[in-house]
Each structure stands twice: as C-alpha cells, then as structure tokens.
Amino acid sequence: MSRRPGGELASRPLHFIWIADSSGSMSNDGKIQALNTAIREAIPHMRKVADDNPNAQVLVRAVKFSNGAQWHISQPTPVADFNWTDLTADGETDMGKALALVADQLKMPPMSERALPPVLVLISDGQPTDDYEGGLKALMEQPWGKKSVRIAISIGQDADAETLQKFIGNSELKPLAANSPEALVKHIKWASTAVLKSASSPAAGGTDHPDAGPTSAGTPAGVPAAPAPVPIPSAAAAGGGANAGTDPADDQSTVDDVW
C-alpha cells in the first residue's frame, strides 16, 4: 500500500459499505439489474479515486437486505481487488436489520482508531418492514456510525424518503432520487467517486497525526477523534454531464419517469 516519501505515514483505512435493498419490489421494472450494472460500472471509477488518494486504503464491502439482512460481500476488500456479485430480488424490506449488521462492524474492534470516516451508501425502493428505528439507533450509538458519511439513494416513486432522510441525518443533504436506470447509474457513480474522494482526503481525518491515534483534547481513550466534517461535493466532481456542478438530487432528466 502506498506510503508518503520516506514511508513514515502509512495509509489509513476507509471503509466503504453499500447497503442494498434486494426485496421483492426490486425485481420490478429491472431495478435490481440496473443496481447491479450501476455498481459494476462504478468500480473502475472508485479505483481511480483510490489511486489518486494514497493516504487512504479504500476497503469495500456490501450488505443486502430483504427477509433479514446479511453480508453480500463480507470481507473488507481493497478496491483494487473488489468485484461485484450480482444481487437477486425477493422478500421483504428488513432495512433495520441491515443497519444493525453494519453497526456491529463499526465497533472497535474490528474498526481501527486510525480509520478515516466510513462511507455508507443506502439504496432502497420501498419502506422498511422491520424495526428500522432500532437499527438506526444501533448504528448511531457507535462512534464510527455517528461520524460516518451517510448517503441515501431512493429508487422509484414508492421509496420512503423520510426514512432515508433520517439515515442521512443532515437536513442540508437530501436522498438522491433515481427514477430511471440512467439516474441510478449517475447517482451511484457520484456516491462512489465524488463522496469517496472527499472522504479520503487528508482533511477528512481531522487534525490529528494519522499515526497518533485519538489524541485530541477531551477524546476518551478508545474513541476515534472527531474528524472534520466531510464536505459533500457537487456532481461536477463525479463528471456529471450537462448539469455538472449541481447537486445530483436536483438533476432529474426527462426520462426519469420509468420507475
């Protein structure tokens, strides 16, 4: 893994986790196929971002949720070695269980004190059918859950925007509405490149020396130092087309009536 000149500063882990809805409704109108295609197409762009940010070791994995939740890709995989395995759709929408599953992996250990804020991307086309509030509470009780960069993508007209907004936890950042395969590809590319680039920048780790651990004044031992807020860039950073430079949530093309 890349090191700065002299080798004194090792790269810091950045965990990127897809949280993907694979419920039965995702089988309608080619939604699950579009999701699989969009993530596969985003991977080369994620690798490019990682190559350009040697201070971060980008580790990717994925959770799927339908009847319950499970790790779709369980091992934190260096993005250079990451390959997407297609999801299939069936069952309910147990989103709360998915968030609880992620929360368990954001404990310390297995998370490192030296990590950069994790990036969590939640993608759903419906409403939770389980205890969503409990799952979100479990996530936010973890220091790295609270400090994570949380992005939500809603697929179609039936997605629960209020629930996705609660996951984001930032009134200035709205769920990205994908009402067509083209919009889904665009939003997933943005989430996996522009957001990743911002989260992996040196500023995202706060002011502490990368090798020093949590030494900020007032930070208890074993709790990660609070990083500086991660700025969410515009779609221009992800190479958005004619409307580059605007938030992708506002960039809805005329073909976005498919779902």
C-alpha atoms as a PDB file:
ATOM      1  CA  MET A   1       0.000   0.000   0.000  1.00  0.00           C
ATOM      2  CA  SER A   2       1.213   3.476  -0.824  1.00  0.00           C
ATOM      3  CA  ARG A   3       3.204   5.481   1.684  1.00  0.00           C
ATOM      4  CA  ARG A   4       4.374   9.036   1.671  1.00  0.00           C
ATOM      5  CA  PRO A   5       8.042   9.759   0.833  1.00  0.00           C
ATOM      6  CA  GLY A   6      10.211   8.167   3.479  1.00  0.00           C
ATOM      7  CA  GLY A   7       7.468   5.721   4.418  1.00  0.00           C
ATOM      8  CA  GLU A   8       6.672   7.426   7.705  1.00  0.00           C
ATOM      9  CA  LEU A   9       2.919   7.835   7.176  1.00  0.00           C
ATOM     10  CA  ALA A  10       1.024   4.690   6.293  1.00  0.00           C
ATOM     11  CA  SER A  11      -2.308   4.973   4.562  1.00  0.00           C
ATOM     12  CA  ARG A  12      -5.415   4.947   6.733  1.00  0.00           C
ATOM     13  CA  PRO A  13      -8.325   2.536   6.214  1.00  0.00           C
ATOM     14  CA  LEU A  14     -11.514   3.958   4.725  1.00  0.00           C
ATOM     15  CA  HIS A  15     -14.418   1.535   4.816  1.00  0.00           C
ATOM     16  CA  PHE A  16     -16.969   1.978   2.017  1.00  0.00           C
ATOM     17  CA  ILE A  17     -20.151  -0.055   2.521  1.00  0.00           C
ATOM     18  CA  TRP A  18     -23.027  -0.500   0.092  1.00  0.00           C
ATOM     19  CA  ILE A  19     -26.324  -1.190   1.919  1.00  0.00           C
ATOM     20  CA  ALA A  20     -28.532  -2.531  -0.859  1.00  0.00           C
ATOM     21  CA  ASP A  21     -32.253  -3.303  -0.931  1.00  0.00           C
ATOM     22  CA  SER A  22     -32.847  -6.711  -2.534  1.00  0.00           C
ATOM     23  CA  SER A  23     -36.520  -7.032  -1.602  1.00  0.00           C
ATOM     24  CA  GLY A  24     -39.122  -8.417  -3.987  1.00  0.00           C
ATOM     25  CA  SER A  25     -40.161  -4.994  -5.285  1.00  0.00           C
ATOM     26  CA  MET A  26     -36.639  -4.533  -6.658  1.00  0.00           C
ATOM     27  CA  SER A  27     -37.465  -7.209  -9.230  1.00  0.00           C
ATOM     28  CA  ASN A  28     -39.987  -4.856 -10.868  1.00  0.00           C
ATOM     29  CA  ASP A  29     -39.062  -2.855 -13.983  1.00  0.00           C
ATOM     30  CA  GLY A  30     -35.457  -4.028 -13.990  1.00  0.00           C
ATOM     31  CA  LYS A  31     -34.479  -2.208 -10.794  1.00  0.00           C
ATOM     32  CA  ILE A  32     -32.180  -4.902  -9.431  1.00  0.00           C
ATOM     33  CA  GLN A  33     -30.495  -5.336 -12.811  1.00  0.00           C
ATOM     34  CA  ALA A  34     -29.938  -1.582 -13.008  1.00  0.00           C
ATOM     35  CA  LEU A  35     -28.470  -1.579  -9.490  1.00  0.00           C
ATOM     36  CA  ASN A  36     -26.056  -4.387 -10.347  1.00  0.00           C
ATOM     37  CA  THR A  37     -24.998  -2.656 -13.559  1.00  0.00           C
ATOM     38  CA  ALA A  38     -24.534   0.715 -11.872  1.00  0.00           C
ATOM     39  CA  ILE A  39     -22.287  -0.632  -9.121  1.00  0.00           C
ATOM     40  CA  ARG A  40     -20.197  -2.663 -11.571  1.00  0.00           C
ATOM     41  CA  GLU A  41     -19.727   0.432 -13.738  1.00  0.00           C
ATOM     42  CA  ALA A  42     -18.740   2.500 -10.709  1.00  0.00           C
ATOM     43  CA  ILE A  43     -15.906   0.206  -9.582  1.00  0.00           C
ATOM     44  CA  PRO A  44     -13.265   1.405 -12.096  1.00  0.00           C
ATOM     45  CA  HIS A  45     -14.012   4.997 -11.107  1.00  0.00           C
ATOM     46  CA  MET A  46     -13.611   4.103  -7.424  1.00  0.00           C
ATOM     47  CA  ARG A  47     -10.227   2.543  -8.204  1.00  0.00           C
ATOM     48  CA  LYS A  48      -9.135   5.744  -9.921  1.00  0.00           C
ATOM     49  CA  VAL A  49     -10.140   7.828  -6.900  1.00  0.00           C
ATOM     50  CA  ALA A  50      -8.263   5.450  -4.588  1.00  0.00           C
ATOM     51  CA  ASP A  51      -5.152   5.640  -6.763  1.00  0.00           C
ATOM     52  CA  ASP A  52      -5.275   9.426  -6.549  1.00  0.00           C
ATOM     53  CA  ASN A  53      -5.581   9.391  -2.741  1.00  0.00           C
ATOM     54  CA  PRO A  54      -2.671   7.311  -1.388  1.00  0.00           C
ATOM     55  CA  ASN A  55      -3.330   8.485   2.170  1.00  0.00           C
ATOM     56  CA  ALA A  56      -6.403   6.220   2.253  1.00  0.00           C
ATOM     57  CA  GLN A  57      -6.724   2.464   1.885  1.00  0.00           C
ATOM     58  CA  VAL A  58     -10.225   2.068   0.443  1.00  0.00           C
ATOM     59  CA  LEU A  59     -11.890  -1.143   1.635  1.00  0.00           C
ATOM     60  CA  VAL A  60     -15.236  -2.068   0.073  1.00  0.00           C
ATOM     61  CA  ARG A  61     -17.983  -4.496   1.085  1.00  0.00           C
ATOM     62  CA  ALA A  62     -21.753  -4.777   0.833  1.00  0.00           C
ATOM     63  CA  VAL A  63     -24.851  -5.689   2.847  1.00  0.00           C
ATOM     64  CA  LYS A  64     -28.083  -6.840   1.249  1.00  0.00           C
ATOM     65  CA  PHE A  65     -31.476  -6.809   2.930  1.00  0.00           C
ATOM     66  CA  SER A  66     -34.775  -8.493   2.135  1.00  0.00           C
ATOM     67  CA  ASN A  67     -36.042 -11.216   4.513  1.00  0.00           C
ATOM     68  CA  GLY A  68     -33.463 -10.312   7.120  1.00  0.00           C
ATOM     69  CA  ALA A  69     -30.050  -8.937   6.237  1.00  0.00           C
ATOM     70  CA  GLN A  70     -26.691 -10.467   5.515  1.00  0.00           C
ATOM     71  CA  TRP A  71     -23.296  -9.531   4.209  1.00  0.00           C
ATOM     72  CA  HIS A  72     -23.363  -9.851   0.430  1.00  0.00           C
ATOM     73  CA  ILE A  73     -19.616  -9.262   0.317  1.00  0.00           C
ATOM     74  CA  SER A  74     -18.408  -9.767   3.874  1.00  0.00           C
ATOM     75  CA  GLN A  75     -14.683  -9.102   3.785  1.00  0.00           C
ATOM     76  CA  PRO A  76     -13.378  -5.517   3.651  1.00  0.00           C
ATOM     77  CA  THR A  77     -11.783  -5.793   0.207  1.00  0.00           C
ATOM     78  CA  PRO A  78      -9.191  -3.388  -1.224  1.00  0.00           C
ATOM     79  CA  VAL A  79     -10.952  -1.589  -4.053  1.00  0.00           C
ATOM     80  CA  ALA A  80      -8.254  -2.749  -6.492  1.00  0.00           C
ATOM     81  CA  ASP A  81      -9.398  -6.339  -5.835  1.00  0.00           C
ATOM     82  CA  PHE A  82     -13.117  -5.679  -5.428  1.00  0.00           C
ATOM     83  CA  ASN A  83     -15.577  -7.346  -7.794  1.00  0.00           C
ATOM     84  CA  TRP A  84     -19.351  -7.080  -7.630  1.00  0.00           C
ATOM     85  CA  THR A  85     -21.513 -10.194  -7.382  1.00  0.00           C
ATOM     86  CA  ASP A  86     -24.995  -9.601  -8.781  1.00  0.00           C
ATOM     87  CA  LEU A  87     -27.923  -9.394  -6.385  1.00  0.00           C
ATOM     88  CA  THR A  88     -31.277 -11.065  -6.931  1.00  0.00           C
ATOM     89  CA  ALA A  89     -34.546  -9.712  -5.549  1.00  0.00           C
ATOM     90  CA  ASP A  90     -37.067 -11.430  -3.265  1.00  0.00           C
ATOM     91  CA  GLY A  91     -38.801 -10.967   0.056  1.00  0.00           C
ATOM     92  CA  GLU A  92     -39.448  -8.113   2.486  1.00  0.00           C
ATOM     93  CA  THR A  93     -37.513  -4.892   3.264  1.00  0.00           C
ATOM     94  CA  ASP A  94     -35.684  -5.518   6.548  1.00  0.00           C
ATOM     95  CA  MET A  95     -33.657  -2.307   6.478  1.00  0.00           C
ATOM     96  CA  GLY A  96     -33.316  -2.084  10.253  1.00  0.00           C
ATOM     97  CA  LYS A  97     -31.534  -5.429  10.392  1.00  0.00           C
ATOM     98  CA  ALA A  98     -29.121  -4.209   7.714  1.00  0.00           C
ATOM     99  CA  LEU A  99     -28.225  -1.103   9.725  1.00  0.00           C
ATOM    100  CA  ALA A 100     -27.726  -3.204  12.857  1.00  0.00           C
ATOM    101  CA  LEU A 101     -25.425  -5.509  10.895  1.00  0.00           C
ATOM    102  CA  VAL A 102     -23.328  -2.540   9.783  1.00  0.00           C
ATOM    103  CA  ALA A 103     -23.319  -1.116  13.308  1.00  0.00           C
ATOM    104  CA  ASP A 104     -21.770  -4.313  14.633  1.00  0.00           C
ATOM    105  CA  GLN A 105     -18.864  -3.951  12.207  1.00  0.00           C
ATOM    106  CA  LEU A 106     -18.275  -0.299  13.145  1.00  0.00           C
ATOM    107  CA  LYS A 107     -17.384  -1.198  16.721  1.00  0.00           C
ATOM    108  CA  MET A 108     -13.764  -1.001  17.876  1.00  0.00           C
ATOM    109  CA  PRO A 109     -12.545  -3.603  17.171  1.00  0.00           C
ATOM    110  CA  PRO A 110     -12.930  -4.510  14.332  1.00  0.00           C
ATOM    111  CA  MET A 111     -12.679  -0.828  13.352  1.00  0.00           C
ATOM    112  CA  SER A 112      -9.354   0.902  13.847  1.00  0.00           C
ATOM    113  CA  GLU A 113      -8.763   4.138  15.739  1.00  0.00           C
ATOM    114  CA  ARG A 114      -6.716   5.285  12.739  1.00  0.00           C
ATOM    115  CA  ALA A 115      -9.535   4.862  10.246  1.00  0.00           C
ATOM    116  CA  LEU A 116     -10.997   7.656   8.159  1.00  0.00           C
ATOM    117  CA  PRO A 117     -14.760   8.237   8.466  1.00  0.00           C
ATOM    118  CA  PRO A 118     -16.545   5.326   6.790  1.00  0.00           C
ATOM    119  CA  VAL A 119     -18.831   5.952   3.819  1.00  0.00           C
ATOM    120  CA  LEU A 120     -22.242   4.243   3.975  1.00  0.00           C
ATOM    121  CA  VAL A 121     -24.459   4.259   0.877  1.00  0.00           C
ATOM    122  CA  LEU A 122     -28.039   3.079   1.444  1.00  0.00           C
ATOM    123  CA  ILE A 123     -30.090   2.200  -1.662  1.00  0.00           C
ATOM    124  CA  SER A 124     -33.795   1.318  -1.396  1.00  0.00           C
ATOM    125  CA  ASP A 125     -37.039   1.401  -3.379  1.00  0.00           C
ATOM    126  CA  GLY A 126     -39.519   0.876  -0.547  1.00  0.00           C
ATOM    127  CA  GLN A 127     -40.444   1.210   3.097  1.00  0.00           C
ATOM    128  CA  PRO A 128     -38.871  -0.767   5.957  1.00  0.00           C
ATOM    129  CA  THR A 129     -40.828  -3.809   7.106  1.00  0.00           C
ATOM    130  CA  ASP A 130     -38.923  -4.282  10.366  1.00  0.00           C
ATOM    131  CA  ASP A 131     -37.657  -2.183  13.288  1.00  0.00           C
ATOM    132  CA  TYR A 132     -35.855   0.471  11.271  1.00  0.00           C
ATOM    133  CA  GLU A 133     -35.629   2.902  14.198  1.00  0.00           C
ATOM    134  CA  GLY A 134     -33.883   0.265  16.304  1.00  0.00           C
ATOM    135  CA  GLY A 135     -31.366  -0.456  13.567  1.00  0.00           C
ATOM    136  CA  LEU A 136     -30.615   3.224  13.066  1.00  0.00           C
ATOM    137  CA  LYS A 137     -30.236   3.713  16.826  1.00  0.00           C
ATOM    138  CA  ALA A 138     -27.719   0.848  16.957  1.00  0.00           C
ATOM    139  CA  LEU A 139     -25.765   2.448  14.114  1.00  0.00           C
ATOM    140  CA  MET A 140     -25.708   5.899  15.682  1.00  0.00           C
ATOM    141  CA  GLU A 141     -24.639   4.537  19.056  1.00  0.00           C
ATOM    142  CA  GLN A 142     -21.306   3.551  17.528  1.00  0.00           C
ATOM    143  CA  PRO A 143     -18.755   6.390  17.344  1.00  0.00           C
ATOM    144  CA  TRP A 144     -17.842   5.444  13.785  1.00  0.00           C
ATOM    145  CA  GLY A 145     -21.526   5.151  12.894  1.00  0.00           C
ATOM    146  CA  LYS A 146     -22.212   8.675  14.082  1.00  0.00           C
ATOM    147  CA  LYS A 147     -19.119  10.017  12.295  1.00  0.00           C
ATOM    148  CA  SER A 148     -19.769   8.159   9.045  1.00  0.00           C
ATOM    149  CA  VAL A 149     -20.603   9.868   5.772  1.00  0.00           C
ATOM    150  CA  ARG A 150     -24.140   8.649   5.015  1.00  0.00           C
ATOM    151  CA  ILE A 151     -25.635   8.865   1.523  1.00  0.00           C
ATOM    152  CA  ALA A 152     -29.072   7.544   0.518  1.00  0.00           C
ATOM    153  CA  ILE A 153     -30.413   6.779  -2.957  1.00  0.00           C
ATOM    154  CA  SER A 154     -34.155   6.271  -3.416  1.00  0.00           C
ATOM    155  CA  ILE A 155     -35.296   4.151  -6.351  1.00  0.00           C
ATOM    156  CA  GLY A 156     -38.711   4.904  -7.803  1.00  0.00           C
ATOM    157  CA  GLN A 157     -41.796   6.693  -6.522  1.00  0.00           C
ATOM    158  CA  ASP A 158     -42.516   4.292  -3.642  1.00  0.00           C
ATOM    159  CA  ALA A 159     -39.248   4.770  -1.754  1.00  0.00           C
ATOM    160  CA  ASP A 160     -39.639   6.107   1.785  1.00  0.00           C
ATOM    161  CA  ALA A 161     -37.869   9.461   1.523  1.00  0.00           C
ATOM    162  CA  GLU A 162     -38.491  10.309   5.180  1.00  0.00           C
ATOM    163  CA  THR A 163     -36.790   7.123   6.344  1.00  0.00           C
ATOM    164  CA  LEU A 164     -33.825   7.730   4.050  1.00  0.00           C
ATOM    165  CA  GLN A 165     -33.574  11.300   5.325  1.00  0.00           C
ATOM    166  CA  LYS A 166     -33.349  10.016   8.906  1.00  0.00           C
ATOM    167  CA  PHE A 167     -30.489   7.754   7.833  1.00  0.00           C
ATOM    168  CA  ILE A 168     -28.613  10.713   6.336  1.00  0.00           C
ATOM    169  CA  GLY A 169     -29.137  12.779   9.478  1.00  0.00           C
ATOM    170  CA  ASN A 170     -28.368  16.068   7.720  1.00  0.00           C
ATOM    171  CA  SER A 171     -31.208  18.352   6.655  1.00  0.00           C
ATOM    172  CA  GLU A 172     -28.996  20.018   4.047  1.00  0.00           C
ATOM    173  CA  LEU A 173     -28.354  16.748   2.228  1.00  0.00           C
ATOM    174  CA  LYS A 174     -31.356  15.044   0.636  1.00  0.00           C
ATOM    175  CA  PRO A 175     -31.788  11.487  -0.659  1.00  0.00           C
ATOM    176  CA  LEU A 176     -30.851  11.191  -4.320  1.00  0.00           C
ATOM    177  CA  ALA A 177     -33.980  10.300  -6.298  1.00  0.00           C
ATOM    178  CA  ALA A 178     -33.371   7.733  -9.038  1.00  0.00           C
ATOM    179  CA  ASN A 179     -36.489   7.311 -11.148  1.00  0.00           C
ATOM    180  CA  SER A 180     -34.782   5.681 -14.126  1.00  0.00           C
ATOM    181  CA  PRO A 181     -31.808   3.377 -14.762  1.00  0.00           C
ATOM    182  CA  GLU A 182     -29.863   6.368 -16.113  1.00  0.00           C
ATOM    183  CA  ALA A 183     -30.418   8.357 -12.934  1.00  0.00           C
ATOM    184  CA  LEU A 184     -29.438   5.389 -10.773  1.00  0.00           C
ATOM    185  CA  VAL A 185     -26.141   4.983 -12.628  1.00  0.00           C
ATOM    186  CA  LYS A 186     -25.436   8.695 -12.256  1.00  0.00           C
ATOM    187  CA  HIS A 187     -26.161   8.774  -8.519  1.00  0.00           C
ATOM    188  CA  ILE A 188     -24.202   5.621  -7.741  1.00  0.00           C
ATOM    189  CA  LYS A 189     -21.241   6.968  -9.677  1.00  0.00           C
ATOM    190  CA  TRP A 190     -21.438  10.214  -7.702  1.00  0.00           C
ATOM    191  CA  ALA A 191     -21.686   8.424  -4.361  1.00  0.00           C
ATOM    192  CA  SER A 192     -18.773   6.136  -5.185  1.00  0.00           C
ATOM    193  CA  THR A 193     -16.427   8.766  -6.629  1.00  0.00           C
ATOM    194  CA  ALA A 194     -17.068  12.341  -5.536  1.00  0.00           C
ATOM    195  CA  VAL A 195     -18.061  11.374  -1.989  1.00  0.00           C
ATOM    196  CA  LEU A 196     -15.246   8.842  -1.751  1.00  0.00           C
ATOM    197  CA  LYS A 197     -12.739  11.434  -2.968  1.00  0.00           C
ATOM    198  CA  SER A 198     -13.880  13.892  -0.329  1.00  0.00           C
ATOM    199  CA  ALA A 199     -13.919  11.316   2.468  1.00  0.00           C
ATOM    200  CA  SER A 200     -10.426  10.057   1.600  1.00  0.00           C
ATOM    201  CA  SER A 201      -8.822  13.491   1.500  1.00  0.00           C
ATOM    202  CA  PRO A 202      -6.363  14.306   4.305  1.00  0.00           C
ATOM    203  CA  ALA A 203      -8.771  16.891   5.765  1.00  0.00           C
ATOM    204  CA  ALA A 204     -11.375  14.207   6.391  1.00  0.00           C
ATOM    205  CA  GLY A 205      -9.279  12.725   9.180  1.00  0.00           C
ATOM    206  CA  GLY A 206      -9.277  15.817  11.337  1.00  0.00           C
ATOM    207  CA  THR A 207      -6.158  17.486  12.716  1.00  0.00           C
ATOM    208  CA  ASP A 208      -4.562  14.545  14.489  1.00  0.00           C
ATOM    209  CA  HIS A 209      -1.435  12.994  13.044  1.00  0.00           C
ATOM    210  CA  PRO A 210      -2.528   9.869  11.110  1.00  0.00           C
ATOM    211  CA  ASP A 211      -0.296   7.652  13.229  1.00  0.00           C
ATOM    212  CA  ALA A 212      -1.044   9.317  16.530  1.00  0.00           C
ATOM    213  CA  GLY A 213      -4.472   7.802  17.217  1.00  0.00           C
ATOM    214  CA  PRO A 214      -7.137   9.663  19.180  1.00  0.00           C
ATOM    215  CA  THR A 215      -5.074  12.347  20.897  1.00  0.00           C
ATOM    216  CA  SER A 216      -7.440  15.324  20.580  1.00  0.00           C
ATOM    217  CA  ALA A 217      -8.113  17.074  23.846  1.00  0.00           C
ATOM    218  CA  GLY A 218     -11.110  15.599  25.597  1.00  0.00           C
ATOM    219  CA  THR A 219     -11.303  12.476  23.456  1.00  0.00           C
ATOM    220  CA  PRO A 220     -11.553   9.364  25.656  1.00  0.00           C
ATOM    221  CA  ALA A 221      -9.143   6.532  25.014  1.00  0.00           C
ATOM    222  CA  GLY A 222     -10.529   4.036  22.541  1.00  0.00           C
ATOM    223  CA  VAL A 223     -12.896   6.521  20.863  1.00  0.00           C
ATOM    224  CA  PRO A 224     -11.894   7.886  17.453  1.00  0.00           C
ATOM    225  CA  ALA A 225     -11.042  11.565  17.365  1.00  0.00           C
ATOM    226  CA  ALA A 226     -13.801  13.569  15.741  1.00  0.00           C
ATOM    227  CA  PRO A 227     -12.869  14.236  12.128  1.00  0.00           C
ATOM    228  CA  ALA A 228     -13.554  17.487  10.365  1.00  0.00           C
ATOM    229  CA  PRO A 229     -16.943  17.466   8.619  1.00  0.00           C
ATOM    230  CA  VAL A 230     -16.640  15.776   5.250  1.00  0.00           C
ATOM    231  CA  PRO A 231     -17.800  18.190   2.539  1.00  0.00           C
ATOM    232  CA  ILE A 232     -20.174  16.649   0.028  1.00  0.00           C
ATOM    233  CA  PRO A 233     -19.062  17.894  -3.393  1.00  0.00           C
ATOM    234  CA  SER A 234     -21.181  18.704  -6.392  1.00  0.00           C
ATOM    235  CA  ALA A 235     -21.890  16.319  -9.231  1.00  0.00           C
ATOM    236  CA  ALA A 236     -19.131  18.045 -11.199  1.00  0.00           C
ATOM    237  CA  ALA A 237     -16.573  16.093  -9.190  1.00  0.00           C
ATOM    238  CA  ALA A 238     -18.093  12.886 -10.489  1.00  0.00           C
ATOM    239  CA  GLY A 239     -18.089  14.062 -14.062  1.00  0.00           C
ATOM    240  CA  GLY A 240     -21.845  14.738 -14.217  1.00  0.00           C
ATOM    241  CA  GLY A 241     -22.922  15.558 -17.758  1.00  0.00           C
ATOM    242  CA  ALA A 242     -24.793  18.627 -18.953  1.00  0.00           C
ATOM    243  CA  ASN A 243     -25.875  19.551 -15.435  1.00  0.00           C
ATOM    244  CA  ALA A 244     -22.430  19.085 -13.857  1.00  0.00           C
ATOM    245  CA  GLY A 245     -21.865  21.447 -10.977  1.00  0.00           C
ATOM    246  CA  THR A 246     -25.321  20.945  -9.450  1.00  0.00           C
ATOM    247  CA  ASP A 247     -26.281  18.602  -6.678  1.00  0.00           C
ATOM    248  CA  PRO A 248     -27.342  15.336  -8.324  1.00  0.00           C
ATOM    249  CA  ALA A 249     -30.520  15.392  -6.266  1.00  0.00           C
ATOM    250  CA  ASP A 250     -31.622  18.369  -8.374  1.00  0.00           C
ATOM    251  CA  ASP A 251     -30.557  16.838 -11.684  1.00  0.00           C
ATOM    252  CA  GLN A 252     -33.582  14.851 -12.804  1.00  0.00           C
ATOM    253  CA  SER A 253     -33.775  14.269 -16.545  1.00  0.00           C
ATOM    254  CA  THR A 254     -36.965  13.978 -18.571  1.00  0.00           C
ATOM    255  CA  VAL A 255     -36.548  10.198 -18.811  1.00  0.00           C
ATOM    256  CA  ASP A 256     -36.897   9.806 -15.034  1.00  0.00           C
ATOM    257  CA  ASP A 257     -40.466   8.500 -15.340  1.00  0.00           C
ATOM    258  CA  VAL A 258     -39.560   4.854 -15.830  1.00  0.00           C
ATOM    259  CA  TRP A 259     -39.921   3.845 -12.177  1.00  0.00           C
END
